[in-house]
N, C-alpha and C. Protein backbone atom coordinates (compact mmCIF):
# COMPACT_ATOMS: atom_id res chain seq x y z
N MET A 1 -11.88 13.39 -23.94
CA MET A 1 -11.99 12.92 -22.19
C MET A 1 -13.30 12.01 -22.07
N PRO A 2 -13.02 11.07 -21.01
CA PRO A 2 -13.65 10.17 -20.06
C PRO A 2 -14.67 10.81 -19.85
N THR A 3 -15.80 9.71 -20.31
CA THR A 3 -17.33 10.33 -19.29
C THR A 3 -17.68 9.15 -18.88
N VAL A 4 -18.11 9.02 -17.15
CA VAL A 4 -18.76 8.38 -16.06
C VAL A 4 -19.38 8.91 -15.62
N ALA A 5 -20.80 8.36 -15.25
CA ALA A 5 -21.94 8.13 -14.44
C ALA A 5 -21.50 8.90 -13.73
N VAL A 6 -21.93 9.56 -12.61
CA VAL A 6 -22.65 10.19 -11.24
C VAL A 6 -23.62 9.45 -11.02
N TYR A 7 -23.36 9.00 -9.94
CA TYR A 7 -24.62 8.33 -8.91
C TYR A 7 -24.95 9.42 -7.35
N ASN A 8 -25.95 8.70 -7.09
CA ASN A 8 -26.41 9.00 -6.04
C ASN A 8 -26.48 8.18 -4.77
N THR A 9 -26.28 8.78 -3.72
CA THR A 9 -26.28 7.29 -2.63
C THR A 9 -27.07 6.42 -2.22
N ALA A 10 -28.42 6.51 -3.60
CA ALA A 10 -28.94 5.74 -3.64
C ALA A 10 -29.08 4.43 -5.02
N GLY A 11 -28.09 4.61 -5.36
CA GLY A 11 -27.86 4.13 -6.55
C GLY A 11 -28.44 4.70 -7.58
N GLU A 12 -28.79 5.61 -7.90
CA GLU A 12 -29.61 5.95 -9.34
C GLU A 12 -28.77 6.72 -9.72
N GLN A 13 -28.55 6.99 -10.94
CA GLN A 13 -27.55 7.99 -11.87
C GLN A 13 -28.30 9.70 -11.62
N VAL A 14 -27.73 10.60 -11.69
CA VAL A 14 -27.99 11.48 -11.86
C VAL A 14 -27.88 12.23 -13.09
N SER A 15 -26.44 12.03 -13.02
CA SER A 15 -25.37 12.81 -14.61
C SER A 15 -24.63 12.33 -14.58
N GLU A 16 -23.27 13.14 -15.77
CA GLU A 16 -22.77 12.39 -15.99
C GLU A 16 -21.41 13.63 -15.89
N ILE A 17 -20.19 13.00 -15.85
CA ILE A 17 -19.00 13.86 -15.50
C ILE A 17 -18.11 13.47 -16.43
N GLN A 18 -17.45 14.65 -17.22
CA GLN A 18 -16.27 14.53 -17.56
C GLN A 18 -14.93 14.23 -17.14
N LEU A 19 -13.84 13.48 -17.10
CA LEU A 19 -12.88 13.47 -16.50
C LEU A 19 -11.75 13.80 -17.14
N ASN A 20 -10.27 13.80 -16.48
CA ASN A 20 -9.28 14.89 -17.08
C ASN A 20 -8.36 13.95 -17.66
N ASP A 21 -8.39 14.47 -19.37
CA ASP A 21 -8.06 13.08 -19.99
C ASP A 21 -6.33 12.70 -19.56
N LYS A 22 -6.06 13.65 -19.03
CA LYS A 22 -4.49 13.47 -18.99
C LYS A 22 -4.01 12.78 -17.72
N LEU A 23 -5.48 12.54 -16.39
CA LEU A 23 -5.04 11.77 -15.56
C LEU A 23 -5.89 10.23 -15.77
N PHE A 24 -7.53 10.56 -16.77
CA PHE A 24 -8.02 9.57 -16.42
C PHE A 24 -7.79 8.72 -18.17
N GLY A 25 -6.96 9.14 -18.87
CA GLY A 25 -7.23 8.67 -20.37
C GLY A 25 -5.55 8.87 -20.68
N ALA A 26 -4.73 8.35 -19.50
CA ALA A 26 -3.27 7.64 -20.16
C ALA A 26 -3.26 6.80 -20.23
N PRO A 27 -1.61 6.33 -21.55
CA PRO A 27 -1.82 5.16 -21.99
C PRO A 27 -1.21 4.40 -20.71
N ILE A 28 -1.75 3.34 -20.65
CA ILE A 28 -1.76 2.31 -19.41
C ILE A 28 -0.23 1.68 -19.45
N ARG A 29 0.92 1.68 -18.46
CA ARG A 29 1.91 1.29 -18.30
C ARG A 29 2.34 0.60 -17.38
N SER A 30 1.71 -0.75 -17.52
CA SER A 30 1.88 -1.70 -16.55
C SER A 30 3.46 -2.17 -15.49
N ASP A 31 4.54 -1.49 -16.28
CA ASP A 31 5.81 -1.80 -15.71
C ASP A 31 5.81 -0.99 -14.78
N LEU A 32 5.28 0.13 -15.30
CA LEU A 32 5.90 1.38 -14.01
C LEU A 32 4.97 1.27 -12.91
N MET A 33 3.62 0.35 -12.71
CA MET A 33 2.58 0.28 -11.98
C MET A 33 3.40 -0.99 -11.14
N HIS A 34 4.23 -1.53 -11.79
CA HIS A 34 4.97 -2.94 -10.61
C HIS A 34 5.95 -2.36 -10.44
N GLN A 35 6.65 -1.41 -10.84
CA GLN A 35 7.91 -1.07 -10.11
C GLN A 35 7.46 0.10 -8.80
N VAL A 36 6.81 0.84 -9.08
CA VAL A 36 6.02 1.75 -7.66
C VAL A 36 5.00 1.11 -6.82
N VAL A 37 4.58 -0.10 -7.08
CA VAL A 37 3.84 -1.24 -6.08
C VAL A 37 5.36 -1.74 -5.12
N LEU A 38 6.01 -2.18 -5.96
CA LEU A 38 7.18 -2.87 -5.34
C LEU A 38 8.09 -1.94 -4.30
N GLN A 39 7.89 -0.64 -5.10
CA GLN A 39 8.82 0.68 -4.18
C GLN A 39 7.61 0.52 -2.75
N TYR A 40 6.64 0.95 -2.90
CA TYR A 40 5.33 0.76 -2.00
C TYR A 40 5.87 -0.39 -0.66
N LEU A 41 5.29 -1.80 -1.09
CA LEU A 41 6.13 -2.82 -0.72
C LEU A 41 7.26 -2.55 0.38
N ALA A 42 8.14 -2.05 -0.28
CA ALA A 42 9.71 -2.45 0.25
C ALA A 42 9.76 -1.54 1.45
N ALA A 43 9.01 -0.20 1.37
CA ALA A 43 9.22 1.02 2.48
C ALA A 43 8.48 0.16 3.24
N ARG A 44 7.40 -1.09 3.61
CA ARG A 44 6.75 -0.50 4.03
C ARG A 44 7.08 -2.01 5.23
N ARG A 45 8.23 -2.44 4.58
CA ARG A 45 9.11 -3.66 5.40
C ARG A 45 9.68 -2.91 6.77
N ALA A 46 9.54 -3.95 7.88
CA ALA A 46 10.59 -3.74 9.31
C ALA A 46 11.97 -3.01 9.03
N GLY A 47 12.03 -3.99 8.62
CA GLY A 47 13.39 -4.55 8.25
C GLY A 47 13.95 -5.22 9.66
N THR A 48 13.38 -5.42 10.70
CA THR A 48 13.62 -5.66 12.24
C THR A 48 15.06 -6.78 12.51
N HIS A 49 14.51 -7.39 11.82
CA HIS A 49 15.03 -8.92 12.05
C HIS A 49 16.75 -9.01 12.49
N LYS A 50 16.71 -9.86 13.04
CA LYS A 50 18.49 -9.97 13.95
C LYS A 50 19.07 -11.10 14.59
N VAL A 51 20.24 -11.40 13.94
CA VAL A 51 21.35 -12.66 14.34
C VAL A 51 21.87 -12.02 15.38
N LYS A 52 22.79 -12.78 16.03
CA LYS A 52 23.55 -12.56 16.84
C LYS A 52 24.92 -13.17 15.63
N ASN A 53 25.93 -12.13 15.56
CA ASN A 53 27.53 -13.34 15.41
C ASN A 53 28.48 -13.16 16.60
N ARG A 54 29.37 -13.89 15.76
CA ARG A 54 30.18 -14.45 17.47
C ARG A 54 30.78 -13.45 18.47
N SER A 55 30.61 -12.22 18.01
CA SER A 55 31.03 -11.07 18.70
C SER A 55 29.95 -10.99 19.76
N GLU A 56 28.66 -11.63 19.36
CA GLU A 56 27.68 -11.12 20.26
C GLU A 56 27.47 -12.43 21.32
N VAL A 57 26.93 -13.15 21.06
CA VAL A 57 26.68 -14.50 21.53
C VAL A 57 27.56 -14.61 23.12
N ALA A 58 26.65 -14.85 24.05
CA ALA A 58 27.41 -15.68 25.10
C ALA A 58 28.45 -16.51 25.57
N GLY A 59 29.77 -16.17 26.39
CA GLY A 59 30.82 -17.29 26.62
C GLY A 59 31.23 -16.99 25.84
N GLY A 60 32.28 -18.46 25.56
CA GLY A 60 32.72 -18.79 24.94
C GLY A 60 34.44 -17.51 25.21
N GLY A 61 34.44 -17.19 26.26
CA GLY A 61 35.85 -16.92 26.93
C GLY A 61 37.14 -17.35 26.50
N ARG A 62 37.36 -18.70 27.14
CA ARG A 62 38.57 -19.58 27.09
C ARG A 62 38.67 -20.38 25.99
N LYS A 63 39.90 -20.70 25.94
CA LYS A 63 39.97 -21.63 24.99
C LYS A 63 40.32 -22.78 25.12
N PRO A 64 39.22 -23.80 24.05
CA PRO A 64 38.56 -24.80 25.07
C PRO A 64 39.58 -25.63 25.54
N TRP A 65 40.51 -26.10 24.73
CA TRP A 65 41.94 -26.84 24.81
C TRP A 65 43.10 -25.99 24.37
N ARG A 66 44.44 -26.84 24.78
CA ARG A 66 45.37 -25.91 24.44
C ARG A 66 45.60 -26.13 22.55
N GLN A 67 46.41 -25.29 22.42
CA GLN A 67 46.59 -25.25 20.51
C GLN A 67 47.46 -26.57 19.71
N LYS A 68 48.23 -27.54 21.36
CA LYS A 68 48.68 -28.66 20.46
C LYS A 68 48.43 -29.91 20.98
N GLY A 69 48.64 -30.82 20.84
CA GLY A 69 48.99 -32.03 21.45
C GLY A 69 48.16 -32.39 21.97
N THR A 70 46.37 -32.23 21.42
CA THR A 70 45.77 -32.63 21.47
C THR A 70 45.40 -33.95 21.15
N GLY A 71 45.53 -33.62 19.52
CA GLY A 71 45.16 -34.51 18.27
C GLY A 71 43.74 -34.02 17.69
N ARG A 72 43.22 -33.09 18.54
CA ARG A 72 42.05 -32.51 17.79
C ARG A 72 42.59 -31.22 17.06
N ALA A 73 41.12 -30.79 16.30
CA ALA A 73 41.63 -29.62 15.49
C ALA A 73 41.95 -28.26 16.68
N ARG A 74 42.71 -27.36 16.31
CA ARG A 74 42.77 -26.02 17.05
C ARG A 74 41.66 -25.54 16.61
N GLN A 75 41.42 -24.85 18.40
CA GLN A 75 40.08 -24.20 18.66
C GLN A 75 40.30 -22.91 19.74
N GLY A 76 39.89 -21.38 18.97
CA GLY A 76 39.72 -20.30 19.59
C GLY A 76 38.83 -20.12 20.86
N SER A 77 37.55 -20.36 20.20
CA SER A 77 36.73 -20.28 20.87
C SER A 77 35.63 -21.18 21.00
N THR A 78 34.46 -21.53 22.11
CA THR A 78 33.67 -22.19 21.88
C THR A 78 32.30 -21.56 21.10
N ARG A 79 32.35 -20.53 20.41
CA ARG A 79 31.33 -19.61 20.15
C ARG A 79 31.59 -19.05 18.49
N SER A 80 32.69 -19.90 17.90
CA SER A 80 32.91 -19.50 16.79
C SER A 80 31.98 -20.75 16.09
N PRO A 81 31.10 -20.14 15.35
CA PRO A 81 30.52 -20.04 14.07
C PRO A 81 30.23 -21.98 14.14
N GLN A 82 31.20 -22.58 14.02
CA GLN A 82 31.21 -24.31 13.73
C GLN A 82 30.52 -24.66 14.27
N TRP A 83 30.30 -24.02 16.00
CA TRP A 83 30.24 -24.71 17.28
C TRP A 83 28.35 -24.69 17.35
N LYS A 84 27.88 -25.39 18.21
CA LYS A 84 26.76 -25.24 18.90
C LYS A 84 26.55 -24.43 19.49
N GLY A 85 25.57 -23.34 19.23
CA GLY A 85 25.73 -22.06 20.18
C GLY A 85 26.31 -20.84 20.13
N GLY A 86 27.40 -21.18 18.62
CA GLY A 86 28.35 -20.33 18.63
C GLY A 86 27.21 -18.90 17.52
N GLY A 87 27.94 -17.86 17.10
CA GLY A 87 27.33 -16.86 16.21
C GLY A 87 27.06 -17.55 14.69
N VAL A 88 25.87 -16.30 14.33
CA VAL A 88 26.27 -16.93 12.61
C VAL A 88 26.65 -15.96 12.01
N VAL A 89 27.18 -16.84 10.89
CA VAL A 89 28.11 -15.70 10.14
C VAL A 89 26.72 -15.50 8.96
N PHE A 90 27.43 -14.28 8.38
CA PHE A 90 26.34 -13.99 7.44
C PHE A 90 24.89 -13.17 7.63
N GLY A 91 24.38 -13.19 8.53
CA GLY A 91 23.21 -13.80 9.21
C GLY A 91 22.74 -12.18 8.76
N PRO A 92 21.06 -12.16 8.95
CA PRO A 92 20.64 -11.05 8.97
C PRO A 92 20.70 -9.78 9.78
N THR A 93 20.79 -8.73 9.57
CA THR A 93 20.62 -7.14 10.67
C THR A 93 19.84 -6.55 10.68
N PRO A 94 19.83 -5.63 11.20
CA PRO A 94 18.66 -4.67 10.88
C PRO A 94 18.54 -3.22 9.37
N ARG A 95 18.19 -3.70 8.99
CA ARG A 95 18.11 -2.48 7.52
C ARG A 95 16.76 -1.84 7.21
N SER A 96 17.23 -1.14 5.97
CA SER A 96 15.68 -0.45 5.48
C SER A 96 15.68 -0.82 3.78
N TYR A 97 14.33 -1.67 3.68
CA TYR A 97 14.39 -2.45 2.35
C TYR A 97 13.99 -1.14 0.99
N ALA A 98 13.78 0.18 1.87
CA ALA A 98 13.35 0.96 1.00
C ALA A 98 14.03 1.54 -0.98
N PHE A 99 13.66 2.30 -1.44
CA PHE A 99 14.70 2.80 -2.48
C PHE A 99 13.94 3.43 -2.64
N SER A 100 14.54 4.23 -3.89
CA SER A 100 13.27 5.95 -4.34
C SER A 100 13.44 5.39 -6.11
N VAL A 101 12.05 5.84 -6.32
CA VAL A 101 11.85 5.72 -7.70
C VAL A 101 11.54 7.22 -8.22
N PRO A 102 12.01 7.71 -9.07
CA PRO A 102 12.02 8.90 -10.25
C PRO A 102 10.22 9.32 -9.80
N LYS A 103 10.53 10.71 -9.40
CA LYS A 103 8.73 11.84 -9.13
C LYS A 103 8.24 11.06 -10.23
N LYS A 104 8.71 11.37 -12.08
CA LYS A 104 7.43 11.84 -13.00
C LYS A 104 7.38 10.03 -13.13
N VAL A 105 8.23 9.18 -12.62
CA VAL A 105 7.57 7.98 -12.73
C VAL A 105 6.86 7.19 -11.82
N ARG A 106 6.25 7.49 -10.47
CA ARG A 106 5.68 7.61 -9.52
C ARG A 106 4.54 8.18 -10.37
N ARG A 107 4.56 9.49 -11.10
CA ARG A 107 3.12 10.35 -11.29
C ARG A 107 2.66 9.57 -13.16
N LEU A 108 3.44 9.04 -13.58
CA LEU A 108 2.95 8.61 -14.63
C LEU A 108 2.38 6.88 -14.27
N ALA A 109 2.52 6.52 -13.21
CA ALA A 109 2.29 5.11 -12.71
C ALA A 109 1.07 5.58 -12.46
N LEU A 110 0.57 6.35 -11.51
CA LEU A 110 -0.66 6.67 -10.89
C LEU A 110 -1.92 7.23 -12.22
N TYR A 111 -1.25 7.69 -13.00
CA TYR A 111 -2.04 7.89 -14.16
C TYR A 111 -2.49 6.93 -15.20
N SER A 112 -1.56 5.90 -14.94
CA SER A 112 -2.12 4.19 -15.58
C SER A 112 -2.86 3.58 -14.72
N ALA A 113 -2.51 3.81 -13.20
CA ALA A 113 -3.84 3.22 -12.58
C ALA A 113 -4.84 3.88 -12.51
N LEU A 114 -5.19 5.16 -13.07
CA LEU A 114 -6.31 5.67 -12.77
C LEU A 114 -6.88 5.43 -14.24
N SER A 115 -6.08 5.74 -15.18
CA SER A 115 -6.56 5.73 -16.61
C SER A 115 -7.54 3.64 -16.62
N SER A 116 -6.45 2.87 -15.71
CA SER A 116 -7.05 1.34 -15.71
C SER A 116 -8.40 0.92 -15.48
N LYS A 117 -8.45 1.89 -14.67
CA LYS A 117 -9.86 1.63 -13.75
C LYS A 117 -11.01 2.17 -14.45
N VAL A 118 -10.76 3.12 -15.53
CA VAL A 118 -11.28 4.01 -16.12
C VAL A 118 -11.48 2.90 -17.49
N ALA A 119 -10.93 2.11 -17.95
CA ALA A 119 -11.17 1.85 -19.25
C ALA A 119 -11.47 0.48 -18.63
N ASP A 120 -11.21 -0.49 -17.54
CA ASP A 120 -12.49 -1.41 -17.06
C ASP A 120 -13.36 -1.35 -16.75
N GLY A 121 -14.26 0.04 -16.55
CA GLY A 121 -15.23 0.27 -16.56
C GLY A 121 -15.59 0.22 -15.02
N LYS A 122 -14.66 0.67 -13.78
CA LYS A 122 -14.28 0.16 -12.35
C LYS A 122 -14.83 1.40 -11.30
N VAL A 123 -14.62 2.82 -12.65
CA VAL A 123 -14.66 3.76 -11.71
C VAL A 123 -16.82 4.44 -11.55
N ILE A 124 -16.34 4.62 -10.60
CA ILE A 124 -18.04 5.39 -10.00
C ILE A 124 -18.00 6.62 -9.17
N VAL A 125 -18.38 8.09 -10.02
CA VAL A 125 -18.44 9.14 -9.23
C VAL A 125 -19.79 9.20 -8.57
N LEU A 126 -19.37 9.65 -7.40
CA LEU A 126 -20.50 9.93 -6.19
C LEU A 126 -21.31 11.67 -6.60
N ASP A 127 -22.21 11.99 -6.06
CA ASP A 127 -22.41 13.27 -6.04
C ASP A 127 -22.20 14.02 -4.90
N GLY A 128 -22.21 12.84 -3.65
CA GLY A 128 -21.89 13.79 -2.57
C GLY A 128 -21.78 12.14 -1.55
N LEU A 129 -21.06 12.37 -0.47
CA LEU A 129 -20.99 11.34 0.65
C LEU A 129 -21.20 11.76 1.99
N ASN A 130 -22.51 12.08 2.40
CA ASN A 130 -22.74 12.99 3.55
C ASN A 130 -22.94 11.93 4.72
N ILE A 131 -22.26 11.96 5.82
CA ILE A 131 -22.89 10.85 7.07
C ILE A 131 -22.47 11.52 8.40
N GLU A 132 -23.49 11.54 8.40
CA GLU A 132 -23.57 12.94 9.93
C GLU A 132 -23.10 11.64 11.20
N GLN A 133 -23.21 10.56 11.03
CA GLN A 133 -22.82 9.78 12.57
C GLN A 133 -22.40 8.06 11.69
N PRO A 134 -21.44 7.89 12.90
CA PRO A 134 -20.61 6.63 12.17
C PRO A 134 -21.21 5.92 12.30
N LYS A 135 -21.80 4.99 10.87
CA LYS A 135 -22.55 4.17 11.85
C LYS A 135 -22.33 3.13 10.31
N THR A 136 -21.68 1.79 10.36
CA THR A 136 -21.00 0.83 9.65
C THR A 136 -22.47 0.21 8.55
N LYS A 137 -23.33 0.70 9.24
CA LYS A 137 -24.89 -0.14 8.59
C LYS A 137 -25.64 0.93 7.30
N GLU A 138 -25.07 2.70 7.77
CA GLU A 138 -25.08 2.91 6.66
C GLU A 138 -24.43 3.11 5.41
N MET A 139 -23.45 3.13 5.44
CA MET A 139 -21.91 3.03 4.94
C MET A 139 -22.21 1.36 3.62
N ALA A 140 -22.91 0.10 4.57
CA ALA A 140 -22.95 -0.71 4.12
C ALA A 140 -23.90 -0.81 3.31
N ALA A 141 -25.19 0.11 3.58
CA ALA A 141 -26.22 0.37 3.00
C ALA A 141 -25.91 1.06 1.38
N ILE A 142 -25.41 1.69 1.56
CA ILE A 142 -24.80 2.81 0.24
C ILE A 142 -24.20 1.68 -1.09
N LEU A 143 -23.36 1.01 -0.57
CA LEU A 143 -22.20 0.41 -1.02
C LEU A 143 -22.58 -0.99 -2.17
N ASN A 144 -24.29 -1.10 -1.33
CA ASN A 144 -25.46 -2.15 -1.70
C ASN A 144 -26.14 -1.75 -2.38
N ASN A 145 -26.25 -0.78 -2.35
CA ASN A 145 -26.76 0.25 -3.56
C ASN A 145 -26.59 0.57 -4.54
N LEU A 146 -25.27 0.60 -4.72
CA LEU A 146 -24.32 0.55 -5.67
C LEU A 146 -23.48 -0.72 -6.47
N LYS A 147 -23.75 -1.73 -5.88
CA LYS A 147 -23.31 -2.87 -6.19
C LYS A 147 -22.15 -2.93 -6.27
N LEU A 148 -21.40 -2.92 -4.61
CA LEU A 148 -20.39 -2.55 -4.43
C LEU A 148 -19.98 -3.48 -3.64
N LYS A 149 -18.72 -4.54 -3.40
CA LYS A 149 -18.31 -4.93 -2.26
C LYS A 149 -16.23 -5.23 -1.90
N LYS A 150 -16.09 -5.01 -2.57
CA LYS A 150 -14.55 -4.10 -3.15
C LYS A 150 -14.30 -3.00 -3.27
N ALA A 151 -14.21 -1.82 -2.77
CA ALA A 151 -13.76 -0.63 -3.15
C ALA A 151 -12.80 0.02 -2.18
N LEU A 152 -11.90 1.48 -3.19
CA LEU A 152 -11.66 2.66 -2.70
C LEU A 152 -12.12 3.56 -2.73
N ILE A 153 -12.63 4.12 -1.86
CA ILE A 153 -13.48 5.34 -1.77
C ILE A 153 -12.89 6.13 -1.42
N LEU A 154 -12.59 7.53 -2.60
CA LEU A 154 -11.86 8.66 -2.39
C LEU A 154 -12.95 10.01 -2.26
N ASP A 155 -12.27 10.87 -1.35
CA ASP A 155 -13.43 12.15 -0.29
C ASP A 155 -12.09 13.60 -0.80
N SER A 156 -12.92 14.07 -1.21
CA SER A 156 -11.90 15.13 -1.36
C SER A 156 -11.15 15.91 0.47
N GLU A 157 -11.64 15.38 1.58
CA GLU A 157 -10.33 15.31 2.49
C GLU A 157 -11.38 13.95 3.55
N LYS A 158 -10.93 13.73 4.58
CA LYS A 158 -10.81 12.66 5.28
C LYS A 158 -12.09 12.95 6.80
N LYS A 159 -12.88 12.53 6.28
CA LYS A 159 -14.53 12.79 7.16
C LYS A 159 -14.12 11.77 8.08
N GLN A 160 -14.16 11.83 9.62
CA GLN A 160 -14.34 11.18 10.68
C GLN A 160 -15.69 9.93 10.78
N PRO A 161 -16.70 10.79 10.45
CA PRO A 161 -17.91 10.20 10.12
C PRO A 161 -17.91 8.74 9.20
N ALA A 162 -17.59 9.53 8.08
CA ALA A 162 -17.23 8.03 7.16
C ALA A 162 -16.39 7.42 7.11
N TYR A 163 -15.23 7.75 7.65
CA TYR A 163 -13.58 6.76 7.98
C TYR A 163 -14.49 6.00 9.10
N LEU A 164 -14.90 6.27 10.18
CA LEU A 164 -15.04 5.09 10.69
C LEU A 164 -16.47 4.21 10.66
N SER A 165 -17.89 4.87 9.56
CA SER A 165 -18.20 3.80 9.11
C SER A 165 -17.93 3.19 8.27
N THR A 166 -16.58 3.17 8.10
CA THR A 166 -15.96 2.32 6.43
C THR A 166 -14.94 1.13 7.28
N ARG A 167 -14.54 1.44 7.91
CA ARG A 167 -13.28 0.39 8.81
C ARG A 167 -13.23 -0.48 8.93
N ASN A 168 -14.72 -1.30 8.83
CA ASN A 168 -15.03 -1.95 9.53
C ASN A 168 -15.69 -3.14 8.41
N ILE A 169 -15.92 -2.60 7.49
CA ILE A 169 -16.28 -3.30 6.14
C ILE A 169 -14.89 -3.90 5.58
N GLU A 170 -14.91 -5.55 5.51
CA GLU A 170 -14.04 -5.84 4.69
C GLU A 170 -14.05 -5.77 3.37
N GLY A 171 -12.45 -4.72 2.83
CA GLY A 171 -12.52 -5.11 1.65
C GLY A 171 -13.01 -3.18 0.92
N VAL A 172 -13.20 -2.87 2.16
CA VAL A 172 -12.95 -1.36 1.64
C VAL A 172 -12.50 -0.79 2.19
N LYS A 173 -12.13 0.73 1.36
CA LYS A 173 -11.43 1.24 2.51
C LYS A 173 -11.27 3.38 1.75
N TYR A 174 -11.26 4.11 2.92
CA TYR A 174 -11.59 5.54 3.12
C TYR A 174 -10.53 6.36 2.95
N MET A 175 -10.20 6.70 1.80
CA MET A 175 -9.31 7.85 2.03
C MET A 175 -9.60 9.32 1.58
N ASP A 176 -8.33 9.80 2.15
CA ASP A 176 -8.26 11.40 1.55
C ASP A 176 -7.51 11.10 0.38
N ALA A 177 -8.44 12.10 -0.60
CA ALA A 177 -7.73 12.08 -2.60
C ALA A 177 -6.46 12.44 -2.13
N ASN A 178 -5.73 12.82 -1.52
CA ASN A 178 -4.64 13.27 -1.41
C ASN A 178 -3.37 12.04 -1.44
N GLY A 179 -4.51 11.48 -0.90
CA GLY A 179 -3.28 10.43 -0.28
C GLY A 179 -3.22 8.90 -0.72
N VAL A 180 -4.03 9.34 -2.88
CA VAL A 180 -4.11 7.89 -2.81
C VAL A 180 -3.18 7.68 -3.86
N ASN A 181 -2.50 6.38 -4.39
CA ASN A 181 -1.20 5.54 -4.73
C ASN A 181 -1.76 4.45 -5.32
N VAL A 182 -1.09 4.13 -6.03
CA VAL A 182 -1.07 3.51 -7.13
C VAL A 182 -1.48 1.68 -6.63
N TYR A 183 -0.85 1.30 -5.25
CA TYR A 183 -0.81 0.01 -4.66
C TYR A 183 -2.81 0.27 -3.91
N GLU A 184 -3.22 0.76 -2.86
CA GLU A 184 -4.41 1.28 -2.95
C GLU A 184 -5.40 1.01 -4.16
N LEU A 185 -4.91 1.85 -5.32
CA LEU A 185 -6.42 1.83 -6.52
C LEU A 185 -6.29 0.43 -7.32
N LEU A 186 -4.95 -0.33 -6.90
CA LEU A 186 -4.97 -1.60 -8.05
C LEU A 186 -5.45 -3.12 -6.89
N ARG A 187 -5.17 -2.88 -5.32
CA ARG A 187 -5.31 -3.58 -4.32
C ARG A 187 -7.03 -3.43 -4.62
N HIS A 188 -7.81 -2.63 -4.40
CA HIS A 188 -9.16 -2.50 -4.76
C HIS A 188 -10.05 -2.77 -5.75
N GLU A 189 -11.00 -3.44 -6.19
CA GLU A 189 -11.69 -3.61 -7.41
C GLU A 189 -11.74 -2.28 -7.94
N HIS A 190 -12.93 -1.69 -7.32
CA HIS A 190 -13.71 -0.21 -8.04
C HIS A 190 -13.33 0.82 -6.96
N LEU A 191 -12.96 1.66 -7.72
CA LEU A 191 -12.94 3.40 -7.55
C LEU A 191 -14.31 4.48 -7.55
N VAL A 192 -14.47 4.31 -6.03
CA VAL A 192 -15.54 5.40 -6.11
C VAL A 192 -14.47 6.94 -5.02
N LEU A 193 -15.40 7.71 -6.25
CA LEU A 193 -15.10 9.44 -5.93
C LEU A 193 -16.27 9.88 -5.75
N THR A 194 -16.08 10.72 -4.73
CA THR A 194 -17.22 12.25 -4.94
C THR A 194 -17.23 12.80 -5.77
N LYS A 195 -17.21 13.99 -5.91
CA LYS A 195 -17.37 14.95 -7.17
C LYS A 195 -15.80 16.17 -6.58
N ASP A 196 -16.25 16.14 -5.37
CA ASP A 196 -15.24 17.19 -4.82
C ASP A 196 -14.20 16.45 -5.13
N ALA A 197 -13.79 14.84 -5.18
CA ALA A 197 -13.02 14.07 -4.95
C ALA A 197 -12.15 14.33 -6.13
N VAL A 198 -13.41 14.58 -6.96
CA VAL A 198 -12.84 14.32 -8.84
C VAL A 198 -11.82 15.42 -8.86
N ALA A 199 -12.52 16.43 -8.16
CA ALA A 199 -11.78 17.79 -8.16
C ALA A 199 -10.41 17.98 -7.87
N LYS A 200 -10.58 17.87 -6.60
CA LYS A 200 -9.08 17.49 -5.45
C LYS A 200 -8.25 16.76 -6.20
N VAL A 201 -8.54 15.31 -6.90
CA VAL A 201 -7.26 14.85 -7.81
C VAL A 201 -6.43 15.44 -9.03
N GLU A 202 -7.58 16.14 -9.31
CA GLU A 202 -7.57 16.68 -11.29
C GLU A 202 -6.96 17.99 -10.24
N GLU A 203 -6.81 18.98 -9.25
CA GLU A 203 -5.79 20.04 -9.20
C GLU A 203 -4.87 19.70 -8.33
N VAL A 204 -4.25 18.18 -7.69
CA VAL A 204 -3.41 18.35 -7.55
C VAL A 204 -2.47 17.44 -8.26
N PHE A 205 -2.87 16.17 -8.57
CA PHE A 205 -2.09 15.48 -9.51
C PHE A 205 -1.74 15.62 -10.73
N ALA A 206 -2.91 16.35 -11.72
CA ALA A 206 -3.17 16.86 -12.99
C ALA A 206 -1.79 18.64 -13.31
């Protein structure tokens, strides 16, 4: 089982904790992580792109000239695609980019992401994170004590004072342990968990 140091908010090591081997000591599968990140980003796309086809553009109700006898090519409407102001052929229309990935693949990718953080020595466990009032300066001081700049902070539940203290710090994100995902784990350099968050992650995902 991987063993990680436990720190207090002053940046001092107070103890050690053993992490679940299934979650934090799993084989690192970069292919699965890549697949899950692609799915996450695809689902976030709005897909609201839209162009007008020839049935939607205005005008063009009258045949521009008679069918025969002019010497010009026959035309039925000035809103055909070859005309300026005409409709677009095969243009983008609103659609969803989301696709599904098997639950087992998503779970293995999460294990890989957590294990990669442990393998790189990028996991820090806090004995607690008690912020009474929303103060960015207080959270910035804690991160400075831990010598962190870009980090994902996981707590057992989303506490409003801690969330409000974090949201204005660039490169740092605070979230509920239930919502941890591969994209956020890979996007941030360090992973900071409270002891309660470790228990929550192991309870929910192991």
